[in-house]
Amino acid sequence: MAVISVAVCSFSLFAADTYNIDPMHSTVGFAVTHMVINTVHGKFDEFSGSVVLDGNQLKEATGTIQTKSINTGVERRDNDLRSPNFFNATKFATITFQSKRAEKQASDTVLVGDFTMHGVTKELSLPVTIKGPVKDPWGNTRIGLQARTKLNRKDYGLKYSQALETGGLVVGDEVELEINAEAVKAK
């Protein structure tokens, strides 16, 4: 009996834990250059995801963004971004990330996985910093996640482009993605 108890305790010490993203305390945002002179910021209001930690080591993550939820604070621009000019939110309702592996690079963890946007899937490296865990006032265990990376929107079929008289593009090709999230340990 003692051997079984030790085996069960050992297994639970090394079991991986799943944390679900808390959308009320999280942001999935982006930034892109506009007319070479400014950076426009936006976010997605509807998203979900989870991460798996083995001890303090990030092992995997998944995420889904609803493209119709894009929000730059300007309704006319948001409607254009939902249109076939950009995301075509009716045809391509989600953006997804599914990690394939976690690589340790110095003190950071880089998730490498399949990123699918606008019907195109490419491998993406996503450096992630984890903070915590901490206990919240309601007895839940939470972690914080921060991730930032860049991608070329044209690689994913978002090809709208208009040249300026002075050179450059109305909308830049490079997009910076930024995730700031809290996740709650699944019970």
N, C-alpha and C. Protein backbone atom coordinates (compact mmCIF):
# COMPACT_ATOMS: atom_id res chain seq x y z
N MET A 1 0.82 -1.19 0.00
CA MET A 1 0.00 0.00 0.00
C MET A 1 0.87 1.26 0.00
N ALA A 2 1.95 1.27 0.77
CA ALA A 2 2.84 2.43 0.85
C ALA A 2 3.48 2.71 -0.51
N VAL A 3 3.83 1.64 -1.23
CA VAL A 3 4.43 1.81 -2.55
C VAL A 3 3.44 2.49 -3.50
N ILE A 4 2.17 2.09 -3.45
CA ILE A 4 1.15 2.70 -4.31
C ILE A 4 0.98 4.18 -3.95
N SER A 5 0.97 4.50 -2.66
CA SER A 5 0.84 5.90 -2.23
C SER A 5 2.00 6.74 -2.72
N VAL A 6 3.22 6.22 -2.61
CA VAL A 6 4.39 6.94 -3.09
C VAL A 6 4.31 7.13 -4.60
N ALA A 7 3.88 6.11 -5.32
CA ALA A 7 3.77 6.19 -6.79
C ALA A 7 2.74 7.24 -7.18
N VAL A 8 1.58 7.25 -6.51
CA VAL A 8 0.54 8.24 -6.82
C VAL A 8 1.04 9.64 -6.51
N CYS A 9 1.69 9.83 -5.35
CA CYS A 9 2.22 11.16 -5.00
C CYS A 9 3.28 11.60 -5.98
N SER A 10 4.16 10.70 -6.38
CA SER A 10 5.20 11.04 -7.35
C SER A 10 4.60 11.44 -8.68
N PHE A 11 3.58 10.70 -9.11
CA PHE A 11 2.94 11.03 -10.38
C PHE A 11 2.32 12.41 -10.32
N SER A 12 1.62 12.74 -9.22
CA SER A 12 0.96 14.04 -9.14
C SER A 12 1.96 15.17 -9.05
N LEU A 13 3.14 14.92 -8.50
CA LEU A 13 4.17 15.96 -8.46
C LEU A 13 4.68 16.30 -9.85
N PHE A 14 4.65 15.34 -10.75
CA PHE A 14 5.20 15.53 -12.08
C PHE A 14 4.13 15.66 -13.16
N ALA A 15 2.87 15.68 -12.76
CA ALA A 15 1.79 15.78 -13.75
C ALA A 15 1.75 17.19 -14.32
N ALA A 16 1.46 17.27 -15.58
CA ALA A 16 1.33 18.56 -16.24
C ALA A 16 -0.01 19.19 -15.87
N ASP A 17 -0.01 20.51 -15.81
CA ASP A 17 -1.23 21.25 -15.46
C ASP A 17 -1.68 22.08 -16.64
N THR A 18 -2.99 22.09 -16.87
CA THR A 18 -3.59 22.90 -17.93
C THR A 18 -4.15 24.18 -17.33
N TYR A 19 -3.87 25.29 -18.00
CA TYR A 19 -4.37 26.61 -17.61
C TYR A 19 -5.18 27.15 -18.78
N ASN A 20 -6.37 27.65 -18.48
CA ASN A 20 -7.25 28.22 -19.52
C ASN A 20 -7.19 29.74 -19.48
N ILE A 21 -7.09 30.34 -20.64
CA ILE A 21 -6.99 31.80 -20.74
C ILE A 21 -8.26 32.44 -20.17
N ASP A 22 -8.06 33.46 -19.36
CA ASP A 22 -9.15 34.25 -18.79
C ASP A 22 -9.32 35.50 -19.67
N PRO A 23 -10.31 35.53 -20.57
CA PRO A 23 -10.43 36.64 -21.50
C PRO A 23 -10.73 37.99 -20.84
N MET A 24 -11.27 37.98 -19.63
CA MET A 24 -11.55 39.23 -18.94
C MET A 24 -10.29 39.94 -18.48
N HIS A 25 -9.20 39.19 -18.37
CA HIS A 25 -7.94 39.76 -17.90
C HIS A 25 -6.82 39.54 -18.91
N SER A 26 -7.19 39.51 -20.19
CA SER A 26 -6.23 39.21 -21.25
C SER A 26 -6.48 40.10 -22.46
N THR A 27 -5.42 40.28 -23.24
CA THR A 27 -5.52 41.07 -24.47
C THR A 27 -4.72 40.37 -25.57
N VAL A 28 -5.32 40.27 -26.75
CA VAL A 28 -4.61 39.81 -27.94
C VAL A 28 -4.62 41.00 -28.90
N GLY A 29 -3.46 41.60 -29.08
CA GLY A 29 -3.38 42.82 -29.87
C GLY A 29 -2.41 42.73 -31.03
N PHE A 30 -2.43 43.80 -31.83
CA PHE A 30 -1.52 43.88 -32.97
C PHE A 30 -1.20 45.33 -33.25
N ALA A 31 -0.14 45.53 -34.02
CA ALA A 31 0.25 46.86 -34.45
C ALA A 31 0.78 46.76 -35.87
N VAL A 32 0.43 47.75 -36.71
CA VAL A 32 0.87 47.76 -38.11
C VAL A 32 1.10 49.21 -38.53
N THR A 33 2.08 49.42 -39.37
CA THR A 33 2.39 50.76 -39.86
C THR A 33 1.32 51.24 -40.84
N HIS A 34 0.95 52.50 -40.70
CA HIS A 34 -0.04 53.11 -41.59
C HIS A 34 0.61 54.30 -42.28
N MET A 35 0.62 54.27 -43.60
CA MET A 35 1.15 55.33 -44.46
C MET A 35 2.58 55.75 -44.09
N VAL A 36 3.36 54.81 -43.61
CA VAL A 36 4.78 54.96 -43.30
C VAL A 36 5.04 55.90 -42.11
N ILE A 37 4.04 56.65 -41.66
CA ILE A 37 4.29 57.68 -40.66
C ILE A 37 3.68 57.39 -39.29
N ASN A 38 2.88 56.33 -39.18
CA ASN A 38 2.18 56.09 -37.93
C ASN A 38 2.00 54.60 -37.72
N THR A 39 1.76 54.21 -36.48
CA THR A 39 1.46 52.83 -36.16
C THR A 39 0.04 52.76 -35.61
N VAL A 40 -0.78 51.92 -36.23
CA VAL A 40 -2.15 51.70 -35.79
C VAL A 40 -2.17 50.44 -34.92
N HIS A 41 -2.83 50.57 -33.77
CA HIS A 41 -2.96 49.44 -32.85
C HIS A 41 -4.40 48.94 -32.86
N GLY A 42 -4.55 47.66 -32.65
CA GLY A 42 -5.87 47.07 -32.56
C GLY A 42 -5.81 45.84 -31.69
N LYS A 43 -6.97 45.22 -31.52
CA LYS A 43 -7.05 44.00 -30.72
C LYS A 43 -8.22 43.16 -31.21
N PHE A 44 -8.28 41.97 -30.70
CA PHE A 44 -9.41 41.08 -30.95
C PHE A 44 -10.14 40.92 -29.63
N ASP A 45 -11.46 41.09 -29.66
CA ASP A 45 -12.25 41.03 -28.43
C ASP A 45 -12.69 39.63 -28.06
N GLU A 46 -12.66 38.68 -28.99
CA GLU A 46 -13.11 37.31 -28.71
C GLU A 46 -11.99 36.32 -29.04
N PHE A 47 -11.56 35.60 -28.02
CA PHE A 47 -10.49 34.61 -28.19
C PHE A 47 -10.56 33.62 -27.04
N SER A 48 -9.91 32.49 -27.23
CA SER A 48 -9.81 31.47 -26.19
C SER A 48 -8.48 30.76 -26.36
N GLY A 49 -8.08 30.04 -25.33
CA GLY A 49 -6.84 29.30 -25.44
C GLY A 49 -6.50 28.60 -24.14
N SER A 50 -5.47 27.79 -24.20
CA SER A 50 -4.97 27.10 -23.02
C SER A 50 -3.48 26.85 -23.17
N VAL A 51 -2.84 26.69 -22.02
CA VAL A 51 -1.42 26.34 -22.00
C VAL A 51 -1.25 25.18 -21.03
N VAL A 52 -0.20 24.41 -21.27
CA VAL A 52 0.13 23.29 -20.40
C VAL A 52 1.52 23.55 -19.83
N LEU A 53 1.61 23.49 -18.50
CA LEU A 53 2.88 23.62 -17.80
C LEU A 53 3.20 22.29 -17.14
N ASP A 54 4.46 21.91 -17.22
CA ASP A 54 4.97 20.75 -16.49
C ASP A 54 5.92 21.34 -15.46
N GLY A 55 5.46 21.45 -14.22
CA GLY A 55 6.22 22.21 -13.23
C GLY A 55 6.16 23.67 -13.63
N ASN A 56 7.33 24.29 -13.82
CA ASN A 56 7.38 25.68 -14.29
C ASN A 56 7.71 25.77 -15.78
N GLN A 57 7.77 24.63 -16.45
CA GLN A 57 8.14 24.60 -17.86
C GLN A 57 6.91 24.61 -18.76
N LEU A 58 6.87 25.58 -19.66
CA LEU A 58 5.80 25.64 -20.66
C LEU A 58 6.02 24.52 -21.66
N LYS A 59 4.98 23.72 -21.87
CA LYS A 59 5.09 22.57 -22.76
C LYS A 59 4.31 22.73 -24.05
N GLU A 60 3.12 23.34 -23.97
CA GLU A 60 2.32 23.49 -25.18
C GLU A 60 1.29 24.58 -24.97
N ALA A 61 0.71 25.03 -26.09
CA ALA A 61 -0.34 26.05 -26.05
C ALA A 61 -1.20 25.96 -27.29
N THR A 62 -2.45 26.36 -27.12
CA THR A 62 -3.38 26.48 -28.25
C THR A 62 -4.13 27.79 -28.08
N GLY A 63 -4.54 28.34 -29.20
CA GLY A 63 -5.33 29.56 -29.13
C GLY A 63 -6.19 29.71 -30.37
N THR A 64 -7.35 30.34 -30.18
CA THR A 64 -8.27 30.62 -31.28
C THR A 64 -8.78 32.04 -31.13
N ILE A 65 -8.71 32.81 -32.21
CA ILE A 65 -9.19 34.19 -32.26
C ILE A 65 -10.35 34.24 -33.25
N GLN A 66 -11.41 34.93 -32.89
CA GLN A 66 -12.54 35.17 -33.80
C GLN A 66 -12.23 36.44 -34.60
N THR A 67 -12.05 36.30 -35.91
CA THR A 67 -11.65 37.45 -36.74
C THR A 67 -12.70 38.55 -36.76
N LYS A 68 -13.97 38.20 -36.63
CA LYS A 68 -15.03 39.22 -36.66
C LYS A 68 -14.92 40.16 -35.46
N SER A 69 -14.16 39.78 -34.44
CA SER A 69 -14.07 40.58 -33.22
C SER A 69 -12.97 41.64 -33.28
N ILE A 70 -12.38 41.85 -34.46
CA ILE A 70 -11.31 42.84 -34.59
C ILE A 70 -11.82 44.21 -34.15
N ASN A 71 -10.96 44.94 -33.43
CA ASN A 71 -11.37 46.22 -32.86
C ASN A 71 -10.19 47.18 -32.85
N THR A 72 -10.26 48.19 -33.71
CA THR A 72 -9.24 49.24 -33.72
C THR A 72 -9.78 50.55 -33.16
N GLY A 73 -11.04 50.51 -32.76
CA GLY A 73 -11.66 51.71 -32.23
C GLY A 73 -12.30 52.59 -33.29
N VAL A 74 -12.22 52.15 -34.55
CA VAL A 74 -12.81 52.92 -35.66
C VAL A 74 -13.69 51.95 -36.45
N GLU A 75 -15.00 52.12 -36.36
CA GLU A 75 -15.95 51.17 -36.96
C GLU A 75 -15.73 50.99 -38.46
N ARG A 76 -15.52 52.08 -39.17
CA ARG A 76 -15.33 51.99 -40.63
C ARG A 76 -14.09 51.15 -40.98
N ARG A 77 -13.00 51.40 -40.26
CA ARG A 77 -11.77 50.62 -40.49
C ARG A 77 -11.99 49.16 -40.10
N ASP A 78 -12.66 48.92 -38.97
CA ASP A 78 -12.91 47.54 -38.53
C ASP A 78 -13.74 46.77 -39.55
N ASN A 79 -14.76 47.42 -40.12
CA ASN A 79 -15.57 46.78 -41.16
C ASN A 79 -14.73 46.45 -42.39
N ASP A 80 -13.80 47.34 -42.75
CA ASP A 80 -12.90 47.06 -43.88
C ASP A 80 -11.99 45.88 -43.55
N LEU A 81 -11.49 45.83 -42.33
CA LEU A 81 -10.62 44.73 -41.93
C LEU A 81 -11.37 43.39 -41.91
N ARG A 82 -12.66 43.40 -41.65
CA ARG A 82 -13.47 42.17 -41.68
C ARG A 82 -13.81 41.74 -43.11
N SER A 83 -13.69 42.67 -44.05
CA SER A 83 -14.09 42.44 -45.45
C SER A 83 -13.07 41.58 -46.20
N PRO A 84 -13.40 41.19 -47.44
CA PRO A 84 -12.44 40.44 -48.26
C PRO A 84 -11.15 41.21 -48.56
N ASN A 85 -11.12 42.53 -48.34
CA ASN A 85 -9.86 43.28 -48.51
C ASN A 85 -8.78 42.76 -47.57
N PHE A 86 -9.19 42.28 -46.38
CA PHE A 86 -8.22 41.83 -45.39
C PHE A 86 -8.57 40.43 -44.87
N PHE A 87 -9.23 40.33 -43.72
CA PHE A 87 -9.45 39.04 -43.06
C PHE A 87 -10.54 38.19 -43.69
N ASN A 88 -11.49 38.79 -44.39
CA ASN A 88 -12.62 38.05 -44.94
C ASN A 88 -13.23 37.17 -43.84
N ALA A 89 -13.69 37.84 -42.78
CA ALA A 89 -14.15 37.16 -41.56
C ALA A 89 -15.30 36.20 -41.79
N THR A 90 -16.09 36.41 -42.84
CA THR A 90 -17.18 35.48 -43.12
C THR A 90 -16.62 34.14 -43.59
N LYS A 91 -15.63 34.17 -44.44
CA LYS A 91 -15.03 32.94 -44.98
C LYS A 91 -13.99 32.34 -44.03
N PHE A 92 -13.20 33.20 -43.38
CA PHE A 92 -12.12 32.74 -42.49
C PHE A 92 -12.41 33.26 -41.09
N ALA A 93 -13.26 32.54 -40.38
CA ALA A 93 -13.80 33.01 -39.10
C ALA A 93 -12.79 33.02 -37.96
N THR A 94 -11.72 32.22 -38.07
CA THR A 94 -10.79 32.13 -36.95
C THR A 94 -9.34 32.25 -37.40
N ILE A 95 -8.52 32.64 -36.44
CA ILE A 95 -7.06 32.57 -36.52
C ILE A 95 -6.68 31.60 -35.41
N THR A 96 -5.82 30.62 -35.70
CA THR A 96 -5.48 29.63 -34.68
C THR A 96 -3.97 29.46 -34.55
N PHE A 97 -3.57 29.01 -33.36
CA PHE A 97 -2.19 28.62 -33.09
C PHE A 97 -2.23 27.30 -32.35
N GLN A 98 -1.42 26.35 -32.80
CA GLN A 98 -1.29 25.05 -32.14
C GLN A 98 0.20 24.74 -32.03
N SER A 99 0.71 24.75 -30.81
CA SER A 99 2.15 24.51 -30.65
C SER A 99 2.49 23.06 -31.00
N LYS A 100 3.72 22.90 -31.50
CA LYS A 100 4.26 21.57 -31.81
C LYS A 100 5.37 21.19 -30.85
N ARG A 101 6.07 22.23 -30.35
CA ARG A 101 7.16 21.97 -29.41
C ARG A 101 7.51 23.28 -28.68
N ALA A 102 8.18 23.11 -27.56
CA ALA A 102 8.67 24.24 -26.78
C ALA A 102 10.19 24.14 -26.75
N GLU A 103 10.86 25.24 -27.07
CA GLU A 103 12.32 25.28 -27.07
C GLU A 103 12.79 26.28 -26.03
N LYS A 104 13.78 25.89 -25.26
CA LYS A 104 14.36 26.79 -24.27
C LYS A 104 15.45 27.62 -24.95
N GLN A 105 15.37 28.94 -24.85
CA GLN A 105 16.38 29.84 -25.40
C GLN A 105 16.74 30.84 -24.32
N ALA A 106 17.91 30.63 -23.70
CA ALA A 106 18.35 31.43 -22.55
C ALA A 106 17.29 31.29 -21.46
N SER A 107 16.75 32.40 -20.97
CA SER A 107 15.76 32.32 -19.91
C SER A 107 14.33 32.29 -20.45
N ASP A 108 14.18 32.32 -21.77
CA ASP A 108 12.86 32.34 -22.40
C ASP A 108 12.49 30.97 -22.95
N THR A 109 11.20 30.79 -23.14
CA THR A 109 10.68 29.62 -23.84
C THR A 109 10.08 30.10 -25.15
N VAL A 110 10.39 29.43 -26.23
CA VAL A 110 9.83 29.75 -27.53
C VAL A 110 8.93 28.59 -27.95
N LEU A 111 7.66 28.90 -28.14
CA LEU A 111 6.73 27.91 -28.67
C LEU A 111 6.81 27.95 -30.19
N VAL A 112 6.99 26.82 -30.79
CA VAL A 112 7.01 26.69 -32.24
C VAL A 112 5.76 25.91 -32.62
N GLY A 113 4.96 26.49 -33.50
CA GLY A 113 3.72 25.81 -33.83
C GLY A 113 3.12 26.27 -35.14
N ASP A 114 1.98 25.70 -35.44
CA ASP A 114 1.25 26.03 -36.66
C ASP A 114 0.32 27.21 -36.39
N PHE A 115 0.53 28.28 -37.14
CA PHE A 115 -0.28 29.48 -37.06
C PHE A 115 -1.09 29.54 -38.34
N THR A 116 -2.42 29.56 -38.21
CA THR A 116 -3.30 29.57 -39.37
C THR A 116 -4.10 30.86 -39.38
N MET A 117 -3.98 31.58 -40.49
CA MET A 117 -4.72 32.82 -40.68
C MET A 117 -5.11 32.91 -42.14
N HIS A 118 -6.35 33.29 -42.39
CA HIS A 118 -6.83 33.50 -43.76
C HIS A 118 -6.67 32.24 -44.60
N GLY A 119 -6.80 31.07 -43.96
CA GLY A 119 -6.72 29.79 -44.66
C GLY A 119 -5.32 29.31 -44.96
N VAL A 120 -4.31 30.02 -44.46
CA VAL A 120 -2.91 29.65 -44.72
C VAL A 120 -2.26 29.27 -43.39
N THR A 121 -1.58 28.12 -43.36
CA THR A 121 -0.88 27.66 -42.17
C THR A 121 0.62 27.71 -42.40
N LYS A 122 1.31 28.35 -41.47
CA LYS A 122 2.78 28.41 -41.51
C LYS A 122 3.30 28.21 -40.10
N GLU A 123 4.54 27.74 -40.02
CA GLU A 123 5.16 27.59 -38.72
C GLU A 123 5.55 28.97 -38.19
N LEU A 124 5.27 29.19 -36.91
CA LEU A 124 5.54 30.47 -36.26
C LEU A 124 6.25 30.21 -34.95
N SER A 125 7.26 31.02 -34.66
CA SER A 125 7.95 30.97 -33.36
C SER A 125 7.40 32.07 -32.49
N LEU A 126 7.01 31.71 -31.27
CA LEU A 126 6.37 32.64 -30.36
C LEU A 126 7.11 32.63 -29.02
N PRO A 127 7.99 33.63 -28.79
CA PRO A 127 8.66 33.71 -27.48
C PRO A 127 7.64 34.04 -26.40
N VAL A 128 7.66 33.27 -25.30
CA VAL A 128 6.67 33.44 -24.24
C VAL A 128 7.38 33.57 -22.90
N THR A 129 6.93 34.53 -22.10
CA THR A 129 7.39 34.69 -20.73
C THR A 129 6.22 34.34 -19.81
N ILE A 130 6.50 33.50 -18.83
CA ILE A 130 5.49 33.08 -17.86
C ILE A 130 5.80 33.74 -16.52
N LYS A 131 4.77 34.25 -15.87
CA LYS A 131 4.91 34.79 -14.52
C LYS A 131 3.96 34.01 -13.60
N GLY A 132 4.41 33.81 -12.37
CA GLY A 132 3.58 33.08 -11.42
C GLY A 132 4.07 31.66 -11.30
N PRO A 133 3.25 30.84 -10.72
CA PRO A 133 1.84 30.98 -10.41
C PRO A 133 1.60 31.75 -9.12
N VAL A 134 0.35 32.26 -9.00
CA VAL A 134 -0.11 32.92 -7.79
C VAL A 134 -1.52 32.41 -7.48
N LYS A 135 -1.90 32.53 -6.22
CA LYS A 135 -3.28 32.21 -5.81
C LYS A 135 -4.06 33.51 -5.83
N ASP A 136 -5.24 33.49 -6.47
CA ASP A 136 -6.08 34.68 -6.45
C ASP A 136 -6.95 34.68 -5.19
N PRO A 137 -7.66 35.76 -4.90
CA PRO A 137 -8.47 35.82 -3.68
C PRO A 137 -9.59 34.79 -3.61
N TRP A 138 -9.91 34.11 -4.71
CA TRP A 138 -10.99 33.13 -4.75
C TRP A 138 -10.47 31.69 -4.73
N GLY A 139 -9.17 31.54 -4.50
CA GLY A 139 -8.59 30.20 -4.36
C GLY A 139 -8.12 29.57 -5.66
N ASN A 140 -8.19 30.30 -6.76
CA ASN A 140 -7.72 29.76 -8.05
C ASN A 140 -6.22 30.01 -8.21
N THR A 141 -5.57 29.13 -8.94
CA THR A 141 -4.16 29.32 -9.28
C THR A 141 -4.10 29.95 -10.66
N ARG A 142 -3.33 31.06 -10.77
CA ARG A 142 -3.22 31.80 -12.03
C ARG A 142 -1.76 31.96 -12.43
N ILE A 143 -1.57 32.07 -13.74
CA ILE A 143 -0.26 32.44 -14.28
C ILE A 143 -0.47 33.62 -15.23
N GLY A 144 0.59 34.34 -15.48
CA GLY A 144 0.58 35.40 -16.47
C GLY A 144 1.44 34.98 -17.66
N LEU A 145 1.03 35.39 -18.84
CA LEU A 145 1.78 35.07 -20.07
C LEU A 145 1.97 36.35 -20.86
N GLN A 146 3.15 36.50 -21.40
CA GLN A 146 3.41 37.59 -22.33
C GLN A 146 4.13 37.00 -23.53
N ALA A 147 3.66 37.38 -24.72
CA ALA A 147 4.26 36.88 -25.95
C ALA A 147 4.21 37.99 -26.99
N ARG A 148 5.25 38.07 -27.78
CA ARG A 148 5.32 39.07 -28.84
C ARG A 148 6.13 38.49 -30.00
N THR A 149 5.60 38.68 -31.21
CA THR A 149 6.32 38.25 -32.40
C THR A 149 5.87 39.09 -33.58
N LYS A 150 6.56 38.95 -34.69
CA LYS A 150 6.21 39.67 -35.91
C LYS A 150 5.97 38.67 -37.02
N LEU A 151 5.08 39.06 -37.95
CA LEU A 151 4.85 38.23 -39.13
C LEU A 151 4.55 39.14 -40.30
N ASN A 152 4.67 38.59 -41.50
CA ASN A 152 4.35 39.32 -42.71
C ASN A 152 2.94 38.90 -43.14
N ARG A 153 2.02 39.86 -43.13
CA ARG A 153 0.61 39.56 -43.44
C ARG A 153 0.44 38.97 -44.84
N LYS A 154 1.30 39.36 -45.77
CA LYS A 154 1.19 38.85 -47.14
C LYS A 154 1.49 37.36 -47.22
N ASP A 155 2.30 36.85 -46.30
CA ASP A 155 2.57 35.42 -46.25
C ASP A 155 1.30 34.61 -45.99
N TYR A 156 0.28 35.27 -45.44
CA TYR A 156 -0.98 34.61 -45.10
C TYR A 156 -2.12 35.03 -46.02
N GLY A 157 -1.79 35.62 -47.15
CA GLY A 157 -2.80 35.95 -48.13
C GLY A 157 -3.54 37.26 -47.89
N LEU A 158 -3.11 38.05 -46.93
CA LEU A 158 -3.70 39.37 -46.70
C LEU A 158 -2.88 40.35 -47.55
N LYS A 159 -3.28 40.48 -48.80
CA LYS A 159 -2.43 41.13 -49.80
C LYS A 159 -2.83 42.56 -50.14
N TYR A 160 -3.93 43.07 -49.55
CA TYR A 160 -4.33 44.44 -49.88
C TYR A 160 -3.12 45.36 -49.77
N SER A 161 -2.93 46.18 -50.81
CA SER A 161 -1.80 47.08 -50.82
C SER A 161 -2.10 48.25 -51.73
N GLN A 162 -1.72 49.41 -51.29
CA GLN A 162 -1.85 50.61 -52.11
C GLN A 162 -0.61 51.44 -51.86
N ALA A 163 0.07 51.81 -52.94
CA ALA A 163 1.30 52.59 -52.83
C ALA A 163 0.98 54.06 -52.64
N LEU A 164 1.84 54.73 -51.91
CA LEU A 164 1.74 56.17 -51.72
C LEU A 164 2.55 56.88 -52.80
N GLU A 165 2.18 58.10 -53.14
CA GLU A 165 2.95 58.89 -54.12
C GLU A 165 4.40 59.02 -53.72
N THR A 166 4.62 59.17 -52.42
CA THR A 166 5.97 59.40 -51.91
C THR A 166 6.74 58.12 -51.66
N GLY A 167 6.16 56.99 -51.99
CA GLY A 167 6.79 55.70 -51.71
C GLY A 167 6.20 55.11 -50.44
N GLY A 168 6.38 53.86 -50.26
CA GLY A 168 5.81 53.19 -49.10
C GLY A 168 4.38 52.74 -49.38
N LEU A 169 3.80 52.09 -48.40
CA LEU A 169 2.47 51.52 -48.54
C LEU A 169 1.49 52.14 -47.54
N VAL A 170 0.21 52.16 -47.91
CA VAL A 170 -0.82 52.63 -46.99
C VAL A 170 -0.83 51.76 -45.74
N VAL A 171 -0.76 50.44 -45.92
CA VAL A 171 -0.71 49.50 -44.81
C VAL A 171 0.59 48.70 -44.92
N GLY A 172 1.38 48.71 -43.86
CA GLY A 172 2.64 47.97 -43.86
C GLY A 172 2.43 46.47 -43.96
N ASP A 173 3.45 45.78 -44.41
CA ASP A 173 3.38 44.32 -44.53
C ASP A 173 3.64 43.62 -43.19
N GLU A 174 4.53 44.20 -42.38
CA GLU A 174 4.90 43.57 -41.12
C GLU A 174 3.89 43.93 -40.02
N VAL A 175 3.43 42.90 -39.33
CA VAL A 175 2.47 43.07 -38.24
C VAL A 175 3.09 42.52 -36.97
N GLU A 176 3.00 43.30 -35.91
CA GLU A 176 3.48 42.83 -34.62
C GLU A 176 2.30 42.31 -33.82
N LEU A 177 2.42 41.08 -33.34
CA LEU A 177 1.39 40.47 -32.48
C LEU A 177 1.85 40.56 -31.04
N GLU A 178 0.92 40.87 -30.14
CA GLU A 178 1.25 40.95 -28.72
C GLU A 178 0.13 40.33 -27.90
N ILE A 179 0.51 39.41 -27.03
CA ILE A 179 -0.44 38.73 -26.16
C ILE A 179 -0.04 39.01 -24.72
N ASN A 180 -0.97 39.52 -23.95
CA ASN A 180 -0.81 39.69 -22.50
C ASN A 180 -2.01 38.99 -21.88
N ALA A 181 -1.74 37.92 -21.14
CA ALA A 181 -2.86 37.11 -20.69
C ALA A 181 -2.67 36.59 -19.28
N GLU A 182 -3.80 36.33 -18.65
CA GLU A 182 -3.85 35.55 -17.43
C GLU A 182 -4.54 34.24 -17.76
N ALA A 183 -4.09 33.19 -17.12
CA ALA A 183 -4.71 31.88 -17.32
C ALA A 183 -4.95 31.23 -15.96
N VAL A 184 -6.07 30.55 -15.86
CA VAL A 184 -6.50 29.93 -14.60
C VAL A 184 -6.32 28.41 -14.71
N LYS A 185 -5.71 27.85 -13.68
CA LYS A 185 -5.50 26.40 -13.65
C LYS A 185 -6.82 25.67 -13.65
N ALA A 186 -6.94 24.71 -14.57
CA ALA A 186 -8.16 23.89 -14.67
C ALA A 186 -8.27 23.03 -13.42
N LYS A 187 -9.50 22.85 -12.98
CA LYS A 187 -9.74 22.03 -11.77
C LYS A 187 -9.98 20.60 -12.11
